Protein backbone atom coordinates (compact mmCIF):
# COMPACT_ATOMS: atom_id res chain seq x y z
CA MET A 1 -13.87 59.62 31.81
CA LYS A 2 -11.43 57.07 33.34
CA LYS A 3 -14.08 54.46 33.18
CA LEU A 4 -14.59 54.96 29.30
CA LEU A 5 -11.07 54.92 28.82
CA SER A 6 -10.65 51.92 30.52
CA ILE A 7 -13.34 50.35 28.50
CA ILE A 8 -11.82 51.57 25.03
CA LEU A 9 -8.40 50.13 26.05
CA ALA A 10 -9.97 47.00 27.04
CA LEU A 11 -11.97 46.77 23.70
CA ALA A 12 -8.51 47.52 21.84
CA MET A 13 -6.71 44.95 23.60
CA LEU A 14 -9.55 42.29 22.76
CA LEU A 15 -9.25 43.28 18.98
CA THR A 16 -5.54 43.14 19.17
CA LEU A 17 -5.71 39.41 20.57
CA THR A 18 -8.65 38.37 18.24
CA THR A 19 -6.17 39.67 15.45
CA VAL A 20 -3.02 37.69 16.58
CA ALA A 21 -5.57 34.52 16.97
CA ALA A 22 -6.80 34.76 13.38
CA SER A 23 -3.15 35.58 12.18
CA ALA A 24 -2.21 32.27 13.98
CA GLU A 25 -4.85 30.23 12.67
CA THR A 26 -4.37 31.65 8.89
CA ALA A 27 -0.91 30.74 9.43
CA ASP A 28 -1.40 27.41 10.58
CA GLU A 29 -3.76 26.76 7.63
CA GLY A 30 -1.00 28.04 5.26
CA THR A 31 1.99 26.26 6.96
CA TRP A 32 0.71 22.66 7.28
CA LYS A 33 2.69 19.87 5.91
CA VAL A 34 2.40 16.31 5.34
CA ALA A 35 5.48 14.03 4.76
CA ILE A 36 5.19 10.88 2.58
CA LEU A 37 7.98 8.08 2.32
CA THR A 38 7.55 5.54 -0.43
CA GLY A 39 9.70 3.14 -2.22
CA THR A 40 11.57 3.99 -5.66
CA THR A 41 9.71 3.27 -8.85
CA SER A 42 11.70 -0.36 -8.80
CA GLN A 43 10.15 -1.20 -5.60
CA GLY A 44 6.79 0.30 -5.54
CA GLU A 45 5.74 2.27 -8.30
CA GLU A 46 2.12 2.68 -7.28
CA GLU A 47 3.12 4.17 -3.95
CA PHE A 48 5.76 6.58 -5.89
CA ARG A 49 2.98 7.94 -8.26
CA ALA A 50 0.63 8.32 -5.48
CA ALA A 51 2.95 10.32 -3.57
CA GLU A 52 3.55 12.55 -6.64
CA LYS A 53 -0.22 12.89 -7.13
CA ALA A 54 -0.68 14.21 -3.62
CA LEU A 55 2.25 16.69 -4.13
CA GLU A 56 0.63 17.83 -7.36
CA LYS A 57 -2.58 18.30 -5.80
CA TYR A 58 -1.29 20.51 -2.64
CA GLY A 59 1.98 21.66 -3.98
CA PRO A 60 5.45 21.51 -2.07
CA GLU A 61 4.51 23.92 0.50
CA HIS A 62 2.05 21.32 2.03
CA ILE A 63 3.48 18.10 0.79
CA ILE A 64 6.97 16.49 1.51
CA THR A 65 7.93 13.43 -0.31
CA ASP A 66 11.21 11.03 -0.20
CA THR A 67 12.16 7.35 -0.90
CA TYR A 68 13.54 4.63 1.31
CA PRO A 69 16.60 2.54 -0.28
CA ASP A 70 15.70 -0.37 -2.59
CA ASN A 71 17.93 -2.42 -0.39
CA PHE A 72 15.98 -1.11 2.62
CA MET A 73 16.71 -4.51 4.66
CA SER A 74 20.44 -3.75 4.95
CA GLU A 75 19.82 0.33 5.06
CA THR A 76 17.17 0.78 7.74
CA GLU A 77 19.47 3.53 9.34
CA THR A 78 18.82 5.29 6.21
CA THR A 79 15.17 4.55 6.29
CA ILE A 80 14.83 5.96 10.01
CA SER A 81 17.21 9.04 9.19
CA LYS A 82 14.75 10.20 6.69
CA LEU A 83 11.53 9.88 8.85
CA VAL A 84 13.46 12.00 11.62
CA ALA A 85 14.57 14.56 8.74
CA PHE A 86 10.82 15.28 8.24
CA ALA A 87 10.05 15.52 11.82
CA SER A 88 12.56 18.18 12.05
CA ASP A 89 10.56 20.52 9.94
CA PRO A 90 8.19 22.02 12.80
CA ASP A 91 5.41 22.40 10.22
CA VAL A 92 5.17 18.51 9.54
CA LYS A 93 2.12 17.49 11.32
CA ALA A 94 1.81 14.35 10.18
CA ILE A 95 4.16 11.23 8.16
CA VAL A 96 2.40 9.22 5.82
CA MET A 97 4.49 5.75 5.05
CA CYS A 98 3.65 3.34 2.26
CA GLN A 99 5.16 0.69 2.26
CA ALA A 100 6.10 0.57 5.97
CA VAL A 101 9.39 -1.12 5.55
CA PRO A 102 11.48 -2.19 8.40
CA GLY A 103 12.69 0.77 10.15
CA ALA A 104 9.39 2.41 10.53
CA THR A 105 8.83 1.50 14.13
CA PRO A 106 12.18 2.58 15.36
CA GLY A 107 11.95 5.70 13.28
CA ILE A 108 8.75 6.59 15.09
CA GLN A 109 10.20 5.88 18.29
CA LYS A 110 13.00 8.36 17.73
CA ILE A 111 10.53 11.06 16.55
CA ARG A 112 8.63 10.80 20.06
CA GLU A 113 11.74 10.88 21.46
CA MET A 114 12.56 14.33 19.83
CA GLY A 115 9.53 15.59 21.74
CA ARG A 116 7.03 15.64 18.38
CA ASP A 117 4.20 13.58 20.04
CA ASP A 118 2.02 16.34 17.88
CA ILE A 119 2.99 14.18 14.59
CA LEU A 120 0.31 11.54 13.57
CA PHE A 121 2.01 8.48 11.65
CA ILE A 122 0.00 6.48 9.21
CA ALA A 123 1.70 3.29 8.18
CA GLY A 124 0.60 1.71 4.76
CA THR A 125 1.37 -2.12 3.83
CA PRO A 126 3.59 -2.51 6.86
CA GLN A 127 6.57 -5.20 6.87
CA GLU A 128 7.01 -5.21 10.47
CA ASP A 129 4.72 -7.45 13.04
CA PRO A 130 1.46 -6.20 13.21
CA ALA A 131 1.52 -5.94 17.04
CA VAL A 132 4.70 -4.02 16.93
CA ILE A 133 3.76 -1.57 14.27
CA SER A 134 0.21 -1.00 15.64
CA GLU A 135 1.89 0.03 19.09
CA ALA A 136 4.01 2.55 17.14
CA ALA A 137 2.03 4.10 14.32
CA ASP A 138 -1.67 5.86 14.98
CA ILE A 139 -3.08 4.36 11.98
CA ILE A 140 -2.18 1.03 9.62
CA MET A 141 -3.71 0.18 6.58
CA TYR A 142 -3.19 -3.02 4.54
CA ALA A 143 -4.85 -5.16 1.81
CA ASN A 144 -6.08 -7.87 3.70
CA GLU A 145 -3.71 -11.01 2.78
CA ALA A 146 -5.70 -13.45 4.69
CA GLY A 147 -8.77 -12.82 2.98
CA GLN A 148 -6.82 -12.86 -0.64
CA GLY A 149 -6.43 -16.51 0.79
CA ASP A 150 -9.92 -17.21 -0.13
CA THR A 151 -10.70 -15.03 -3.02
CA ILE A 152 -7.72 -16.35 -5.08
CA MET A 153 -8.49 -19.73 -4.50
CA GLU A 154 -12.18 -19.00 -5.61
CA LYS A 155 -10.85 -17.47 -8.94
CA CYS A 156 -8.65 -20.51 -9.35
CA ALA A 157 -11.60 -22.84 -8.83
CA GLU A 158 -13.52 -20.64 -11.47
CA TRP A 159 -10.66 -21.30 -13.92
CA GLY A 160 -10.00 -24.99 -13.28
CA ILE A 161 -6.62 -25.01 -12.01
CA ASP A 162 -4.74 -28.04 -11.47
CA VAL A 163 -1.65 -26.66 -9.71
CA PHE A 164 -0.79 -23.50 -7.68
CA MET A 165 2.67 -22.29 -7.61
CA HIS A 166 3.50 -19.99 -4.56
CA TYR A 167 6.98 -17.84 -5.29
CA SER A 168 8.33 -16.08 -1.97
CA PHE A 169 11.54 -16.31 -0.02
CA PRO A 170 12.41 -16.18 3.97
CA ARG A 171 12.01 -12.92 4.88
CA HIS A 172 8.69 -12.60 3.67
CA MET A 173 7.56 -16.10 4.85
CA ALA A 174 8.29 -14.78 8.34
CA MET A 175 5.82 -12.17 8.29
CA GLU A 176 2.65 -12.92 9.91
CA THR A 177 0.28 -11.48 7.33
CA ILE A 178 1.84 -12.93 4.55
CA VAL A 179 1.96 -16.78 6.48
CA GLY A 180 -1.85 -15.90 7.43
CA ARG A 181 -2.42 -15.73 3.47
CA TYR A 182 -0.10 -18.65 2.70
CA ASN A 183 -1.88 -20.91 5.21
CA ILE A 184 -5.46 -20.19 3.86
CA LEU A 185 -4.21 -20.56 0.37
CA LYS A 186 -2.39 -23.98 1.33
CA ALA A 187 -5.69 -25.02 3.03
CA ASN A 188 -8.09 -23.92 0.37
CA ALA A 189 -6.10 -25.42 -2.37
CA GLU A 190 -6.20 -29.06 -0.54
CA ALA A 191 -9.85 -28.69 -0.24
CA LEU A 192 -10.07 -28.00 -3.91
CA GLY A 193 -7.79 -30.73 -5.07
CA ILE A 194 -5.36 -28.26 -6.25
CA GLU A 195 -1.43 -29.10 -6.04
CA PHE A 196 0.25 -26.65 -3.84
CA VAL A 197 4.03 -25.84 -4.84
CA ASP A 198 6.39 -23.89 -2.75
CA VAL A 199 9.21 -22.01 -4.98
CA THR A 200 11.73 -20.23 -3.06
CA ALA A 201 12.93 -17.03 -5.28
CA PRO A 202 16.03 -14.84 -4.36
CA ASP A 203 15.17 -11.89 -2.00
CA PRO A 204 15.34 -8.69 -4.10
CA THR A 205 16.93 -6.86 -1.17
CA GLY A 206 19.64 -9.51 -1.20
CA GLU A 207 22.63 -9.85 -3.09
CA ALA A 208 21.33 -10.60 -6.46
CA GLY A 209 19.16 -7.43 -6.13
CA THR A 210 15.76 -6.83 -8.02
CA SER A 211 17.18 -7.78 -11.39
CA GLY A 212 18.39 -11.04 -10.02
CA ALA A 213 14.94 -12.05 -8.43
CA GLN A 214 13.32 -10.74 -11.81
CA GLN A 215 15.44 -12.99 -13.81
CA PHE A 216 14.70 -15.88 -11.80
CA VAL A 217 11.24 -15.59 -12.40
CA LEU A 218 11.61 -14.87 -16.12
CA GLU A 219 13.46 -18.11 -16.44
CA ASP A 220 11.57 -20.39 -13.56
CA VAL A 221 8.00 -19.74 -14.57
CA PRO A 222 8.14 -20.97 -18.18
CA GLN A 223 10.09 -24.16 -16.90
CA GLN A 224 7.37 -24.95 -14.13
CA ALA A 225 4.44 -24.42 -16.78
CA ALA A 226 6.23 -26.84 -19.11
CA LYS A 227 6.75 -29.50 -16.26
CA TYR A 228 3.15 -29.52 -15.90
CA ALA A 229 2.32 -29.15 -19.58
CA ASP A 230 -1.11 -30.96 -19.86
CA LYS A 231 -2.34 -28.90 -16.41
CA LYS A 232 -3.65 -25.40 -15.72
CA VAL A 233 -0.83 -23.64 -13.45
CA ALA A 234 -1.76 -20.60 -11.52
CA PHE A 235 1.52 -18.60 -10.37
CA PHE A 236 1.50 -16.05 -7.43
CA THR A 237 4.52 -14.19 -5.83
CA THR A 238 4.60 -12.23 -2.64
CA ASN A 239 6.94 -9.62 -3.72
CA CYS A 240 6.11 -6.22 -5.79
CA SER A 241 8.91 -6.03 -7.88
CA MET A 242 8.63 -9.77 -9.04
CA GLN A 243 5.17 -8.77 -10.65
CA PRO A 244 6.19 -7.28 -14.01
CA ALA A 245 8.58 -10.55 -14.54
CA MET A 246 5.64 -13.04 -13.64
CA GLN A 247 3.28 -11.40 -15.65
CA ALA A 248 5.49 -11.30 -18.82
CA ALA A 249 6.71 -14.56 -18.49
CA ILE A 250 2.99 -16.09 -18.20
CA LEU A 251 1.50 -13.96 -21.02
CA ASP A 252 2.34 -16.35 -23.88
CA LEU A 253 2.15 -19.60 -21.92
CA ASP A 254 -1.62 -21.17 -22.77
CA ASN A 255 -1.48 -23.31 -19.62
CA ALA A 256 -0.27 -20.39 -17.34
CA TYR A 257 -2.57 -18.10 -14.92
CA TYR A 258 -2.03 -15.13 -12.83
CA PRO A 259 -4.86 -14.76 -10.29
CA LEU A 260 -3.63 -11.55 -8.43
CA PRO A 261 -0.68 -9.33 -7.95
CA CYS A 262 0.34 -9.15 -4.17
CA CYS A 263 -0.63 -5.54 -3.96
CA PRO A 264 -3.76 -5.83 -6.13
CA SER A 265 -4.48 -3.10 -8.66
CA PRO A 266 -4.59 -2.43 -12.36
CA TYR A 267 -1.45 -0.53 -12.48
CA HIS A 268 0.83 -3.28 -10.31
CA GLY A 269 3.11 -4.42 -13.07
CA PHE A 270 0.47 -4.48 -16.02
CA PRO A 271 1.69 -0.87 -17.53
CA ALA A 272 5.53 -2.16 -17.85
CA THR A 273 4.37 -5.66 -18.93
CA LEU A 274 1.90 -4.66 -21.36
CA GLY A 275 3.71 -1.48 -22.70
CA LEU A 276 0.91 0.87 -21.74
CA GLU A 277 0.69 4.29 -20.40
CA LEU A 278 -2.23 4.41 -18.01
CA GLU A 279 -3.92 7.42 -16.50
CA LEU A 280 -3.73 6.96 -12.54
CA GLY A 281 -7.17 7.40 -11.23
CA ASP A 282 -9.21 6.31 -14.48
CA ASP A 283 -9.34 2.60 -13.33
CA GLU A 284 -12.20 1.83 -15.75
CA ALA A 285 -10.08 3.10 -18.79
CA ALA A 286 -7.10 1.25 -17.28
CA LEU A 287 -8.75 -2.19 -17.03
CA LYS A 288 -10.07 -1.57 -20.74
CA ALA A 289 -6.67 -0.91 -22.00
CA ILE A 290 -5.34 -4.04 -19.80
CA ALA A 291 -7.96 -6.36 -21.52
CA GLU A 292 -7.42 -5.25 -24.94
CA LYS A 293 -3.72 -5.85 -24.54
CA LEU A 294 -4.02 -9.31 -22.85
CA ALA A 295 -6.87 -10.03 -25.99
CA GLU A 296 -3.74 -9.69 -28.30
CA HIS A 297 -2.13 -12.71 -26.68
CA ASP A 298 -5.31 -14.67 -26.06
CA ALA A 299 -4.81 -14.24 -22.34
CA VAL A 300 -7.64 -12.11 -21.14
CA GLY A 301 -9.15 -15.04 -19.20
CA ARG A 302 -5.91 -16.08 -17.65
CA TYR A 303 -5.26 -12.64 -15.68
CA SER A 304 -6.99 -11.21 -12.79
CA THR A 305 -6.51 -8.03 -10.48
CA TRP A 306 -8.65 -5.75 -8.07
CA PRO A 307 -10.51 -2.77 -9.70
CA THR A 308 -8.82 -0.28 -8.21
CA PRO A 309 -5.30 0.17 -6.43
CA VAL A 310 -5.38 -0.54 -2.63
CA ALA A 311 -1.82 0.96 -2.60
CA MET A 312 -2.24 4.14 -3.87
CA SER A 313 -5.87 4.44 -2.00
CA ILE A 314 -3.81 4.00 1.20
CA ILE A 315 -1.60 7.03 0.33
CA GLU A 316 -4.59 9.00 -0.87
CA ILE A 317 -6.77 8.13 2.21
CA GLY A 318 -3.56 8.70 4.58
CA VAL A 319 -2.95 12.14 3.27
CA GLU A 320 -6.42 13.64 3.39
CA TYR A 321 -6.89 12.13 6.96
CA ALA A 322 -3.34 13.80 7.55
CA LYS A 323 -4.34 16.98 6.38
CA GLY A 324 -7.36 16.87 8.66
CA TRP A 325 -5.20 16.23 11.69
CA ALA A 326 -2.85 18.88 10.72
CA LEU A 327 -5.65 21.80 10.28
CA GLY A 328 -7.05 20.47 13.77
CA GLU A 329 -10.25 19.18 11.76
CA ILE A 330 -9.60 15.80 13.08
CA THR A 331 -8.77 15.78 16.83
CA ASP A 332 -8.60 11.87 17.29
CA ARG A 333 -5.62 9.87 16.14
CA ASN A 334 -7.80 6.79 15.08
CA ASN A 335 -11.22 8.12 14.06
CA ALA A 336 -12.48 4.98 12.46
CA ASP A 337 -15.84 6.75 11.50
CA ILE A 338 -13.86 9.59 9.50
CA LEU A 339 -11.77 6.76 7.91
CA MET A 340 -14.68 4.82 6.88
CA GLU A 341 -15.90 7.79 5.17
CA LEU A 342 -12.66 8.22 3.15
CA PHE A 343 -12.64 4.57 2.42
CA ASN A 344 -16.11 4.79 0.83
CA GLU A 345 -15.08 7.77 -1.14
CA SER A 346 -11.91 6.36 -2.57
CA VAL A 347 -12.77 2.59 -2.73
CA PRO A 348 -16.46 1.95 -3.12
CA GLY A 349 -17.55 -1.40 -2.36
CA ALA A 350 -14.31 -2.10 -0.40
CA LYS A 351 -14.68 -4.50 2.85
CA ILE A 352 -12.60 -2.93 5.82
CA GLU A 353 -11.86 -5.24 8.82
CA ASN A 354 -9.78 -4.50 11.70
CA TYR A 355 -6.75 -6.90 11.83
CA THR A 356 -7.45 -9.84 14.16
CA ASN A 357 -4.24 -12.07 14.64
CA ALA A 358 -3.53 -15.75 15.13
CA GLU A 359 -4.16 -15.13 18.90
CA GLY A 360 -7.46 -13.92 18.41
CA THR A 361 -6.25 -10.11 19.51
CA THR A 362 -7.99 -7.51 17.29
CA LEU A 363 -5.79 -4.33 16.81
CA ASP A 364 -8.59 -1.40 16.48
CA ASN A 365 -5.88 0.83 14.55
CA TYR A 366 -5.06 -1.85 11.92
CA TYR A 367 -7.26 -1.69 9.00
CA THR A 368 -7.44 -4.36 6.16
CA ILE A 369 -9.06 -3.74 2.68
CA LEU A 370 -10.62 -6.53 0.70
CA LEU A 371 -12.33 -6.12 -2.80
CA SER A 372 -13.50 -8.58 -5.29
CA GLN A 373 -11.66 -9.67 -8.31
CA VAL A 374 -12.27 -8.73 -11.77
CA ASP A 375 -12.91 -10.70 -15.22
CA PHE A 376 -11.16 -9.04 -17.76
CA ASN A 377 -13.76 -10.27 -20.18
CA ASP A 378 -16.16 -7.82 -18.77
CA TYR A 379 -13.68 -4.82 -20.01
CA LEU A 380 -13.72 -5.95 -23.68
């Protein structure tokens, strides 16, 4: 009898433990959270909208969003504090930051010091040194800026460009990946016989702010185009907030060309420039709408971009990977195979490579993305 009672008690305890374990698993599935930090619409509308899309897909019980300051260079402590605030929620198991502006690395370090080693950190479009951010973040994703040095100049050669105008400012020209693209652009221009001109623009995070930088571009582009009135001139800027101004300034200048936004996408600058309301996710329809508007200005053959938005894809892929981590379905902080599957689903045809710096060191958690450029004539 005692033996039978012992068996019954043991079974009851086992059933209780199984029920508790099942409840805990359900709770984990129900309470997981991924935090997303992006710029505002003035500094990076695509990232902001991608975060909104993730919030809409999974709901506020699973997605937390916030923005870093527009003047992030002088307000890094605010950026850090927002990252730390995410980590103060024990249900947050992953943080996706895009763009990973200065403040990302110290923010991650503070979170680690809090004992939150369970948090996965994914950095998109980093603005810190690759070697530094790759030590801090678990996964880094970025458009292949060095590769753009080739594809941009291939498009310029196709157009028969005579002069290439490169707009940037000291802060950007201190960034390794931007300098890498710049050097390739310059070398390719020389090989093609294209005159390469540097234009120093105001930093949007400086005293003049975003509006001052945009105003500079709006005024300077027509002057430069007029200076080379008998030549084809391509214009490129390294800054997101300058894209709408540059696109607008070029629109009705017959000798002005726009080979690529800095963060290539159908949605980067074009909606604001052309007065379009584009539905995120329907890239084919977006490209057709842009082509039709460009045709009204006889500018179809003077603009190009990538066929899908890389910055938005980085957040989409980052959130899906982070969700898998939060649910325990992904156990490796950097699983290249799973990441490649997500890339293939989100960005078909993308060329994905690990970043290799100037010293020849390859960073196995730093992924670069490269797509071919579109011809808007194909979408009319």
